[in-house]
Amino acid sequence: MGDRERELDALLKSVTDQEGASATVVVLGQGVGLPELPAGVAGVQLAENLGIPGGRNAGVRWLRGRGGVDVVVVLDDDGLLPRTDTLRLVREAFAENPGLGVVGFRIVDEEGRTLRRHVPRLGGADPAESGPVTTYLGGAHAIRMSVIEEVGDFPAEFFYAHEETDFAWRALDAGWEIHYRADLLLRHPRTEASRHAVYYRNTGRNRVWLAKRRLPAVLVPVYLASWAAYTLVQRPPLHGLRAWWAGFFEGVRVPCPPRRPMRWRTVWRMARLGRPPVI
C-alpha cells in the first residue's frame, strides 16, 4: 500500500523469525515506491495498482521465475505471524496431504478474537475449529503452486472482492481440497471491509461476474437472489446500497469471460461441505 512501513517491518520480522528453512520473500509495491527492505527480501515495484488479484498474479510470476517454489503464501502487509511455527505447519500440511490445494489461516485481532466474517463457514461457527471448507480468506493463505498452474491465474478483472471465491471454486472443481486451519494465525487490526471506497460497487459487480463465470445456468439467478436478499437484510447505508446496485447491474451488463461453470458433482461436494454455491 505504501503507507504501512512500520506494519510491513513487523510482518517481515515475523516471517524471518519462522522456524525451519527460510522462505523466499517478495514484497509487491502496487504503483507505489517500496521502502528499504531487509536483507534477503526481494521487492517488485509495479508501475500501477493492478488490484489484489492482479498483484498476486505478478507475485506468482516472479516466484515462478525463481524456480523451486512449491507453495505460495500470501499475507496482508498490515498483519503479522504471532507464532514461529506457522510456516513449518504449512509445509507439513501440504507434505502430508497430496490432495490439499489451499490452506486458509485464521485471522485474529489485537485481542485474539476472530470476526464472524473471517470464518469461511456459514454463520461463522466456531473459529477455533479447523476443517475442510469451500473458500478461504485472501489476507492470509497458502496455495500449492501446482494448483495455480492447473486452474489458472486470479481474475485480474475483479480488482478487489471475491477473487478468492473464484479461485476456490475452480480449485474445488479440479478436485483439490481447501482447509481452514485455526492454528495458523495472522494477527491483523480489527477493521471493516466497507472502509474501502470500492467495496460496495465491486462486491455487487463481482458477485454477478462470479456467478456468470462459474455456476451452472440454473443456479445463477438463485445465487444472485440470495445475495441480494442478504445485502438488504444487512441494511447498508443508502450510499452503499446505491453503489451495490450500480455494481450489480454493471456485472449484468458487462461480460467477464471465460464462462466455465463447475460440474454438478462439485455443487454436490460443496453442499456436503456445508455451503452449496447458492448461499
C-alpha atoms as a PDB file:
ATOM      1  CA  MET A   1       0.000   0.000   0.000  1.00  0.00           C
ATOM      2  CA  GLY A   2       2.951   2.304   0.535  1.00  0.00           C
ATOM      3  CA  ASP A   3       1.659   3.766   3.795  1.00  0.00           C
ATOM      4  CA  ARG A   4       2.309   0.932   6.252  1.00  0.00           C
ATOM      5  CA  GLU A   5       6.086   0.878   6.612  1.00  0.00           C
ATOM      6  CA  ARG A   6       6.025   0.121  10.351  1.00  0.00           C
ATOM      7  CA  GLU A   7       3.467  -2.666   9.914  1.00  0.00           C
ATOM      8  CA  LEU A   8       5.414  -4.099   6.978  1.00  0.00           C
ATOM      9  CA  ASP A   9       8.603  -4.192   9.049  1.00  0.00           C
ATOM     10  CA  ALA A  10       6.785  -6.103  11.795  1.00  0.00           C
ATOM     11  CA  LEU A  11       5.353  -8.581   9.288  1.00  0.00           C
ATOM     12  CA  LEU A  12       8.727  -9.229   7.662  1.00  0.00           C
ATOM     13  CA  LYS A  13      10.351  -9.763  11.054  1.00  0.00           C
ATOM     14  CA  SER A  14       7.656 -12.300  11.955  1.00  0.00           C
ATOM     15  CA  VAL A  15       8.407 -14.138   8.707  1.00  0.00           C
ATOM     16  CA  THR A  16      12.164 -14.051   9.360  1.00  0.00           C
ATOM     17  CA  ASP A  17      11.574 -15.479  12.841  1.00  0.00           C
ATOM     18  CA  GLN A  18       9.844 -18.591  11.498  1.00  0.00           C
ATOM     19  CA  GLU A  19      11.260 -21.999  12.344  1.00  0.00           C
ATOM     20  CA  GLY A  20      12.872 -24.240   9.765  1.00  0.00           C
ATOM     21  CA  ALA A  21      14.106 -23.472   6.276  1.00  0.00           C
ATOM     22  CA  SER A  22      13.959 -19.842   5.224  1.00  0.00           C
ATOM     23  CA  ALA A  23      11.269 -18.791   2.776  1.00  0.00           C
ATOM     24  CA  THR A  24      11.660 -16.828  -0.449  1.00  0.00           C
ATOM     25  CA  VAL A  25      10.078 -13.484   0.432  1.00  0.00           C
ATOM     26  CA  VAL A  26       8.907 -10.824  -2.018  1.00  0.00           C
ATOM     27  CA  VAL A  27       7.113  -7.534  -1.337  1.00  0.00           C
ATOM     28  CA  LEU A  28       4.954  -6.060  -4.099  1.00  0.00           C
ATOM     29  CA  GLY A  29       4.598  -2.315  -4.477  1.00  0.00           C
ATOM     30  CA  GLN A  30       1.302  -1.618  -6.246  1.00  0.00           C
ATOM     31  CA  GLY A  31       2.037   1.603  -8.062  1.00  0.00           C
ATOM     32  CA  VAL A  32       3.945   2.996  -5.068  1.00  0.00           C
ATOM     33  CA  GLY A  33       7.586   3.183  -4.112  1.00  0.00           C
ATOM     34  CA  LEU A  34       8.921   0.472  -1.848  1.00  0.00           C
ATOM     35  CA  PRO A  35      10.714   1.289   1.397  1.00  0.00           C
ATOM     36  CA  GLU A  36      14.158  -0.073   2.159  1.00  0.00           C
ATOM     37  CA  LEU A  37      13.691  -3.802   2.678  1.00  0.00           C
ATOM     38  CA  PRO A  38      15.659  -6.146   4.952  1.00  0.00           C
ATOM     39  CA  ALA A  39      18.471  -8.228   3.516  1.00  0.00           C
ATOM     40  CA  GLY A  40      17.140 -11.316   1.770  1.00  0.00           C
ATOM     41  CA  VAL A  41      13.749  -9.761   0.978  1.00  0.00           C
ATOM     42  CA  ALA A  42      13.089  -9.013  -2.679  1.00  0.00           C
ATOM     43  CA  GLY A  43      10.976  -6.123  -3.908  1.00  0.00           C
ATOM     44  CA  VAL A  44       8.881  -5.920  -7.062  1.00  0.00           C
ATOM     45  CA  GLN A  45       7.612  -2.453  -7.890  1.00  0.00           C
ATOM     46  CA  LEU A  46       4.634  -2.392 -10.231  1.00  0.00           C
ATOM     47  CA  ALA A  47       4.029   0.681 -12.369  1.00  0.00           C
ATOM     48  CA  GLU A  48       0.359   0.850 -11.352  1.00  0.00           C
ATOM     49  CA  ASN A  49      -2.086  -0.604  -8.873  1.00  0.00           C
ATOM     50  CA  LEU A  50      -3.315  -3.810 -10.524  1.00  0.00           C
ATOM     51  CA  GLY A  51      -5.698  -4.620  -7.694  1.00  0.00           C
ATOM     52  CA  ILE A  52      -5.490  -7.589  -5.359  1.00  0.00           C
ATOM     53  CA  PRO A  53      -5.725 -10.390  -7.945  1.00  0.00           C
ATOM     54  CA  GLY A  54      -3.536  -8.604 -10.497  1.00  0.00           C
ATOM     55  CA  GLY A  55      -0.868  -8.016  -7.874  1.00  0.00           C
ATOM     56  CA  ARG A  56      -0.965 -11.648  -6.785  1.00  0.00           C
ATOM     57  CA  ASN A  57      -0.557 -12.735 -10.384  1.00  0.00           C
ATOM     58  CA  ALA A  58       2.540 -10.544 -10.657  1.00  0.00           C
ATOM     59  CA  GLY A  59       3.923 -12.071  -7.468  1.00  0.00           C
ATOM     60  CA  VAL A  60       3.300 -15.598  -8.710  1.00  0.00           C
ATOM     61  CA  ARG A  61       5.051 -14.808 -11.989  1.00  0.00           C
ATOM     62  CA  TRP A  62       8.076 -13.534 -10.070  1.00  0.00           C
ATOM     63  CA  LEU A  63       8.172 -16.650  -7.878  1.00  0.00           C
ATOM     64  CA  ARG A  64       7.720 -18.906 -10.884  1.00  0.00           C
ATOM     65  CA  GLY A  65      10.748 -17.268 -12.475  1.00  0.00           C
ATOM     66  CA  ARG A  66      12.824 -18.082  -9.394  1.00  0.00           C
ATOM     67  CA  GLY A  67      12.025 -21.782  -9.659  1.00  0.00           C
ATOM     68  CA  GLY A  68      11.743 -24.327  -6.883  1.00  0.00           C
ATOM     69  CA  VAL A  69       8.721 -22.716  -5.188  1.00  0.00           C
ATOM     70  CA  ASP A  70       6.160 -25.365  -4.212  1.00  0.00           C
ATOM     71  CA  VAL A  71       3.792 -23.306  -2.058  1.00  0.00           C
ATOM     72  CA  VAL A  72       2.820 -19.627  -2.303  1.00  0.00           C
ATOM     73  CA  VAL A  73       1.911 -17.919   0.997  1.00  0.00           C
ATOM     74  CA  VAL A  74       0.076 -14.589   0.769  1.00  0.00           C
ATOM     75  CA  LEU A  75      -0.009 -12.239   3.780  1.00  0.00           C
ATOM     76  CA  ASP A  76      -1.539  -8.774   4.193  1.00  0.00           C
ATOM     77  CA  ASP A  77       1.090  -6.103   4.739  1.00  0.00           C
ATOM     78  CA  ASP A  78      -0.561  -4.892   7.961  1.00  0.00           C
ATOM     79  CA  GLY A  79      -0.677  -8.334   9.570  1.00  0.00           C
ATOM     80  CA  LEU A  80       1.964 -10.430  11.291  1.00  0.00           C
ATOM     81  CA  LEU A  81       2.545 -14.051  12.272  1.00  0.00           C
ATOM     82  CA  PRO A  82       2.342 -14.262  16.097  1.00  0.00           C
ATOM     83  CA  ARG A  83       3.657 -17.839  16.184  1.00  0.00           C
ATOM     84  CA  THR A  84       7.055 -19.002  14.961  1.00  0.00           C
ATOM     85  CA  ASP A  85       5.891 -22.428  13.757  1.00  0.00           C
ATOM     86  CA  THR A  86       3.345 -21.229  11.174  1.00  0.00           C
ATOM     87  CA  LEU A  87       5.352 -21.823   8.003  1.00  0.00           C
ATOM     88  CA  ARG A  88       6.565 -25.177   9.314  1.00  0.00           C
ATOM     89  CA  LEU A  89       2.955 -26.240   9.877  1.00  0.00           C
ATOM     90  CA  VAL A  90       2.085 -25.082   6.365  1.00  0.00           C
ATOM     91  CA  ARG A  91       4.900 -27.175   4.880  1.00  0.00           C
ATOM     92  CA  GLU A  92       3.803 -30.212   6.892  1.00  0.00           C
ATOM     93  CA  ALA A  93       0.163 -29.807   5.872  1.00  0.00           C
ATOM     94  CA  PHE A  94       0.972 -29.894   2.154  1.00  0.00           C
ATOM     95  CA  ALA A  95       3.545 -32.677   2.532  1.00  0.00           C
ATOM     96  CA  GLU A  96       1.119 -34.917   4.440  1.00  0.00           C
ATOM     97  CA  ASN A  97      -1.851 -34.449   2.077  1.00  0.00           C
ATOM     98  CA  PRO A  98      -1.111 -34.537  -1.677  1.00  0.00           C
ATOM     99  CA  GLY A  99      -4.738 -33.575  -2.394  1.00  0.00           C
ATOM    100  CA  LEU A 100      -4.545 -30.360  -0.369  1.00  0.00           C
ATOM    101  CA  GLY A 101      -4.622 -27.348  -2.671  1.00  0.00           C
ATOM    102  CA  VAL A 102      -5.289 -24.336  -0.442  1.00  0.00           C
ATOM    103  CA  VAL A 103      -4.867 -23.631   3.276  1.00  0.00           C
ATOM    104  CA  GLY A 104      -6.669 -20.680   4.835  1.00  0.00           C
ATOM    105  CA  PHE A 105      -5.310 -19.083   8.006  1.00  0.00           C
ATOM    106  CA  ARG A 106      -7.313 -17.838  10.989  1.00  0.00           C
ATOM    107  CA  ILE A 107      -7.280 -14.054  11.292  1.00  0.00           C
ATOM    108  CA  VAL A 108      -7.326 -12.661  14.826  1.00  0.00           C
ATOM    109  CA  ASP A 109      -7.371  -9.078  16.060  1.00  0.00           C
ATOM    110  CA  GLU A 110      -5.163  -7.500  18.697  1.00  0.00           C
ATOM    111  CA  GLU A 111      -7.201  -9.189  21.433  1.00  0.00           C
ATOM    112  CA  GLY A 112      -7.096 -12.632  19.819  1.00  0.00           C
ATOM    113  CA  ARG A 113     -10.689 -12.516  18.548  1.00  0.00           C
ATOM    114  CA  THR A 114     -11.856 -13.630  15.114  1.00  0.00           C
ATOM    115  CA  LEU A 115     -14.617 -11.711  13.343  1.00  0.00           C
ATOM    116  CA  ARG A 116     -17.573 -13.757  12.162  1.00  0.00           C
ATOM    117  CA  ARG A 117     -16.954 -12.739   8.542  1.00  0.00           C
ATOM    118  CA  HIS A 118     -13.412 -14.126   8.816  1.00  0.00           C
ATOM    119  CA  VAL A 119     -14.587 -17.702   9.330  1.00  0.00           C
ATOM    120  CA  PRO A 120     -15.185 -19.337   5.911  1.00  0.00           C
ATOM    121  CA  ARG A 121     -18.259 -21.285   7.012  1.00  0.00           C
ATOM    122  CA  LEU A 122     -21.928 -20.343   7.157  1.00  0.00           C
ATOM    123  CA  GLY A 123     -22.716 -18.436  10.316  1.00  0.00           C
ATOM    124  CA  GLY A 124     -19.046 -18.066  11.202  1.00  0.00           C
ATOM    125  CA  ALA A 125     -19.380 -21.060  13.510  1.00  0.00           C
ATOM    126  CA  ASP A 126     -16.538 -21.732  15.971  1.00  0.00           C
ATOM    127  CA  PRO A 127     -13.422 -20.005  14.613  1.00  0.00           C
ATOM    128  CA  ALA A 128     -11.271 -22.440  16.639  1.00  0.00           C
ATOM    129  CA  GLU A 129     -12.474 -25.450  14.603  1.00  0.00           C
ATOM    130  CA  SER A 130     -10.302 -26.498  11.666  1.00  0.00           C
ATOM    131  CA  GLY A 131     -11.568 -28.485   8.716  1.00  0.00           C
ATOM    132  CA  PRO A 132     -12.422 -28.611   5.005  1.00  0.00           C
ATOM    133  CA  VAL A 133     -14.207 -25.558   3.587  1.00  0.00           C
ATOM    134  CA  THR A 134     -15.281 -24.164   0.220  1.00  0.00           C
ATOM    135  CA  THR A 135     -13.308 -20.891   0.234  1.00  0.00           C
ATOM    136  CA  TYR A 136     -10.549 -19.062   2.101  1.00  0.00           C
ATOM    137  CA  LEU A 137      -9.532 -15.594   3.240  1.00  0.00           C
ATOM    138  CA  GLY A 138      -7.364 -13.511   0.954  1.00  0.00           C
ATOM    139  CA  GLY A 139      -5.384 -11.810   3.714  1.00  0.00           C
ATOM    140  CA  ALA A 140      -3.632 -14.976   4.870  1.00  0.00           C
ATOM    141  CA  HIS A 141      -3.486 -18.204   2.916  1.00  0.00           C
ATOM    142  CA  ALA A 142      -1.202 -20.702   1.210  1.00  0.00           C
ATOM    143  CA  ILE A 143      -1.690 -22.275  -2.229  1.00  0.00           C
ATOM    144  CA  ARG A 144       0.171 -25.158  -3.796  1.00  0.00           C
ATOM    145  CA  MET A 145       1.919 -23.783  -6.881  1.00  0.00           C
ATOM    146  CA  SER A 146       0.748 -26.722  -8.981  1.00  0.00           C
ATOM    147  CA  VAL A 147      -2.872 -25.705  -8.286  1.00  0.00           C
ATOM    148  CA  ILE A 148      -2.215 -22.271  -9.775  1.00  0.00           C
ATOM    149  CA  GLU A 149      -0.559 -23.909 -12.765  1.00  0.00           C
ATOM    150  CA  GLU A 150      -3.604 -26.163 -13.245  1.00  0.00           C
ATOM    151  CA  VAL A 151      -6.557 -23.814 -12.705  1.00  0.00           C
ATOM    152  CA  GLY A 152      -5.002 -20.529 -13.864  1.00  0.00           C
ATOM    153  CA  ASP A 153      -4.398 -17.038 -12.531  1.00  0.00           C
ATOM    154  CA  PHE A 154      -6.514 -14.985 -10.177  1.00  0.00           C
ATOM    155  CA  PRO A 155      -9.201 -12.969 -12.033  1.00  0.00           C
ATOM    156  CA  ALA A 156      -7.448  -9.636 -12.533  1.00  0.00           C
ATOM    157  CA  GLU A 157     -10.674  -8.056 -13.824  1.00  0.00           C
ATOM    158  CA  PHE A 158     -12.207  -8.318 -10.346  1.00  0.00           C
ATOM    159  CA  PHE A 159      -9.576  -5.879  -8.954  1.00  0.00           C
ATOM    160  CA  TYR A 160     -10.988  -6.236  -5.428  1.00  0.00           C
ATOM    161  CA  ALA A 161     -13.613  -8.556  -3.869  1.00  0.00           C
ATOM    162  CA  HIS A 162     -14.447 -12.238  -4.409  1.00  0.00           C
ATOM    163  CA  GLU A 163     -11.285 -13.111  -6.338  1.00  0.00           C
ATOM    164  CA  GLU A 164     -10.584 -15.790  -3.707  1.00  0.00           C
ATOM    165  CA  THR A 165     -14.008 -17.373  -4.212  1.00  0.00           C
ATOM    166  CA  ASP A 166     -13.490 -17.516  -7.975  1.00  0.00           C
ATOM    167  CA  PHE A 167     -10.154 -19.258  -7.467  1.00  0.00           C
ATOM    168  CA  ALA A 168     -11.505 -21.550  -4.736  1.00  0.00           C
ATOM    169  CA  TRP A 169     -14.400 -22.753  -6.886  1.00  0.00           C
ATOM    170  CA  ARG A 170     -12.007 -23.564  -9.732  1.00  0.00           C
ATOM    171  CA  ALA A 171      -9.717 -25.457  -7.360  1.00  0.00           C
ATOM    172  CA  LEU A 172     -12.630 -27.461  -5.930  1.00  0.00           C
ATOM    173  CA  ASP A 173     -13.884 -28.233  -9.428  1.00  0.00           C
ATOM    174  CA  ALA A 174     -10.420 -29.558 -10.296  1.00  0.00           C
ATOM    175  CA  GLY A 175     -10.646 -31.939  -7.330  1.00  0.00           C
ATOM    176  CA  TRP A 176      -8.437 -30.101  -4.821  1.00  0.00           C
ATOM    177  CA  GLU A 177      -9.200 -29.719  -1.109  1.00  0.00           C
ATOM    178  CA  ILE A 178      -9.370 -26.409   0.766  1.00  0.00           C
ATOM    179  CA  HIS A 179      -8.743 -26.452   4.518  1.00  0.00           C
ATOM    180  CA  TYR A 180      -9.268 -23.816   7.177  1.00  0.00           C
ATOM    181  CA  ARG A 181      -6.581 -24.113   9.864  1.00  0.00           C
ATOM    182  CA  ALA A 182      -7.413 -22.435  13.169  1.00  0.00           C
ATOM    183  CA  ASP A 183      -3.841 -22.961  14.419  1.00  0.00           C
ATOM    184  CA  LEU A 184      -2.326 -20.875  11.610  1.00  0.00           C
ATOM    185  CA  LEU A 185      -2.750 -17.335  12.847  1.00  0.00           C
ATOM    186  CA  LEU A 186      -2.381 -13.941  11.247  1.00  0.00           C
ATOM    187  CA  ARG A 187      -2.766 -11.061  13.686  1.00  0.00           C
ATOM    188  CA  HIS A 188      -4.498  -8.218  11.883  1.00  0.00           C
ATOM    189  CA  PRO A 189      -6.009  -4.924  13.086  1.00  0.00           C
ATOM    190  CA  ARG A 190      -9.769  -5.058  13.566  1.00  0.00           C
ATOM    191  CA  THR A 191     -11.236  -3.327  10.506  1.00  0.00           C
ATOM    192  CA  GLU A 192     -14.394  -3.204   8.415  1.00  0.00           C
ATOM    193  CA  ALA A 193     -14.352  -4.266   4.769  1.00  0.00           C
ATOM    194  CA  SER A 194     -16.543  -1.281   3.905  1.00  0.00           C
ATOM    195  CA  ARG A 195     -13.599   1.055   4.656  1.00  0.00           C
ATOM    196  CA  HIS A 196     -12.508   0.559   1.035  1.00  0.00           C
ATOM    197  CA  ALA A 197     -14.034   3.125  -1.328  1.00  0.00           C
ATOM    198  CA  VAL A 198     -14.835   0.487  -3.953  1.00  0.00           C
ATOM    199  CA  TYR A 199     -16.255  -2.067  -1.503  1.00  0.00           C
ATOM    200  CA  TYR A 200     -19.968  -1.835  -2.257  1.00  0.00           C
ATOM    201  CA  ARG A 201     -19.718  -1.410  -6.022  1.00  0.00           C
ATOM    202  CA  ASN A 202     -17.121  -4.130  -6.544  1.00  0.00           C
ATOM    203  CA  THR A 203     -18.936  -6.516  -4.216  1.00  0.00           C
ATOM    204  CA  GLY A 204     -22.138  -6.176  -6.235  1.00  0.00           C
ATOM    205  CA  ARG A 205     -20.411  -6.383  -9.618  1.00  0.00           C
ATOM    206  CA  ASN A 206     -18.101  -9.259  -8.787  1.00  0.00           C
ATOM    207  CA  ARG A 207     -20.873 -11.396  -7.297  1.00  0.00           C
ATOM    208  CA  VAL A 208     -22.571 -11.278 -10.696  1.00  0.00           C
ATOM    209  CA  TRP A 209     -19.347 -11.977 -12.570  1.00  0.00           C
ATOM    210  CA  LEU A 210     -18.569 -14.864 -10.245  1.00  0.00           C
ATOM    211  CA  ALA A 211     -21.972 -16.448 -10.863  1.00  0.00           C
ATOM    212  CA  LYS A 212     -21.825 -15.915 -14.621  1.00  0.00           C
ATOM    213  CA  ARG A 213     -18.331 -17.390 -14.842  1.00  0.00           C
ATOM    214  CA  ARG A 214     -18.578 -20.381 -12.504  1.00  0.00           C
ATOM    215  CA  LEU A 215     -22.152 -21.566 -11.827  1.00  0.00           C
ATOM    216  CA  PRO A 216     -24.439 -23.839 -13.835  1.00  0.00           C
ATOM    217  CA  ALA A 217     -27.002 -21.598 -15.566  1.00  0.00           C
ATOM    218  CA  VAL A 218     -29.936 -22.714 -13.414  1.00  0.00           C
ATOM    219  CA  LEU A 219     -28.105 -21.694 -10.223  1.00  0.00           C
ATOM    220  CA  VAL A 220     -27.119 -18.187 -11.358  1.00  0.00           C
ATOM    221  CA  PRO A 221     -30.430 -16.444 -10.513  1.00  0.00           C
ATOM    222  CA  VAL A 222     -30.763 -18.394  -7.250  1.00  0.00           C
ATOM    223  CA  TYR A 223     -27.286 -17.363  -6.119  1.00  0.00           C
ATOM    224  CA  LEU A 224     -27.770 -13.716  -7.059  1.00  0.00           C
ATOM    225  CA  ALA A 225     -31.212 -13.522  -5.465  1.00  0.00           C
ATOM    226  CA  SER A 226     -29.892 -14.953  -2.200  1.00  0.00           C
ATOM    227  CA  TRP A 227     -27.054 -12.419  -2.104  1.00  0.00           C
ATOM    228  CA  ALA A 228     -29.343  -9.516  -2.976  1.00  0.00           C
ATOM    229  CA  ALA A 229     -31.647 -10.535  -0.117  1.00  0.00           C
ATOM    230  CA  TYR A 230     -28.698 -10.874   2.254  1.00  0.00           C
ATOM    231  CA  THR A 231     -27.434  -7.411   1.301  1.00  0.00           C
ATOM    232  CA  LEU A 232     -30.822  -5.836   2.013  1.00  0.00           C
ATOM    233  CA  VAL A 233     -31.073  -7.603   5.373  1.00  0.00           C
ATOM    234  CA  GLN A 234     -27.686  -6.158   6.354  1.00  0.00           C
ATOM    235  CA  ARG A 235     -29.162  -2.669   5.871  1.00  0.00           C
ATOM    236  CA  PRO A 236     -26.099  -0.924   4.418  1.00  0.00           C
ATOM    237  CA  PRO A 237     -26.069   2.893   4.328  1.00  0.00           C
ATOM    238  CA  LEU A 238     -28.022   4.431   1.465  1.00  0.00           C
ATOM    239  CA  HIS A 239     -24.890   5.431  -0.456  1.00  0.00           C
ATOM    240  CA  GLY A 240     -23.579   1.886  -0.056  1.00  0.00           C
ATOM    241  CA  LEU A 241     -26.812   0.334  -1.277  1.00  0.00           C
ATOM    242  CA  ARG A 242     -26.849   2.589  -4.335  1.00  0.00           C
ATOM    243  CA  ALA A 243     -23.238   1.657  -5.110  1.00  0.00           C
ATOM    244  CA  TRP A 244     -24.016  -2.043  -4.616  1.00  0.00           C
ATOM    245  CA  TRP A 245     -26.938  -1.974  -7.055  1.00  0.00           C
ATOM    246  CA  ALA A 246     -24.871   0.047  -9.556  1.00  0.00           C
ATOM    247  CA  GLY A 247     -22.187  -2.626  -9.368  1.00  0.00           C
ATOM    248  CA  PHE A 248     -24.773  -5.411  -9.624  1.00  0.00           C
ATOM    249  CA  PHE A 249     -26.218  -4.047 -12.868  1.00  0.00           C
ATOM    250  CA  GLU A 250     -22.726  -3.343 -14.194  1.00  0.00           C
ATOM    251  CA  GLY A 251     -21.984  -7.034 -13.661  1.00  0.00           C
ATOM    252  CA  VAL A 252     -25.144  -7.937 -15.584  1.00  0.00           C
ATOM    253  CA  ARG A 253     -24.292  -5.625 -18.495  1.00  0.00           C
ATOM    254  CA  VAL A 254     -20.553  -6.170 -18.760  1.00  0.00           C
ATOM    255  CA  PRO A 255     -19.175  -9.615 -19.669  1.00  0.00           C
ATOM    256  CA  CYS A 256     -16.286 -11.114 -17.709  1.00  0.00           C
ATOM    257  CA  PRO A 257     -15.173 -14.223 -19.591  1.00  0.00           C
ATOM    258  CA  PRO A 258     -14.403 -17.042 -19.562  1.00  0.00           C
ATOM    259  CA  ARG A 259     -17.581 -18.875 -18.629  1.00  0.00           C
ATOM    260  CA  ARG A 260     -16.564 -22.283 -17.308  1.00  0.00           C
ATOM    261  CA  PRO A 261     -19.318 -23.496 -14.985  1.00  0.00           C
ATOM    262  CA  MET A 262     -18.445 -26.001 -12.299  1.00  0.00           C
ATOM    263  CA  ARG A 263     -19.622 -29.581 -12.592  1.00  0.00           C
ATOM    264  CA  TRP A 264     -22.718 -30.734 -10.724  1.00  0.00           C
ATOM    265  CA  ARG A 265     -20.625 -33.104  -8.670  1.00  0.00           C
ATOM    266  CA  THR A 266     -18.720 -30.061  -7.408  1.00  0.00           C
ATOM    267  CA  VAL A 267     -22.018 -28.430  -6.475  1.00  0.00           C
ATOM    268  CA  TRP A 268     -22.905 -31.560  -4.506  1.00  0.00           C
ATOM    269  CA  ARG A 269     -19.467 -31.662  -2.913  1.00  0.00           C
ATOM    270  CA  MET A 270     -19.849 -28.062  -1.745  1.00  0.00           C
ATOM    271  CA  ALA A 271     -23.294 -28.837  -0.364  1.00  0.00           C
ATOM    272  CA  ARG A 272     -21.848 -31.726   1.656  1.00  0.00           C
ATOM    273  CA  LEU A 273     -19.200 -29.355   2.998  1.00  0.00           C
ATOM    274  CA  GLY A 274     -21.998 -27.146   4.315  1.00  0.00           C
ATOM    275  CA  ARG A 275     -22.022 -24.357   1.737  1.00  0.00           C
ATOM    276  CA  PRO A 276     -23.768 -25.074  -1.569  1.00  0.00           C
ATOM    277  CA  PRO A 277     -22.991 -22.397  -4.187  1.00  0.00           C
ATOM    278  CA  VAL A 278     -26.392 -20.730  -3.843  1.00  0.00           C
ATOM    279  CA  ILE A 279     -25.695 -19.131  -0.436  1.00  0.00           C
END
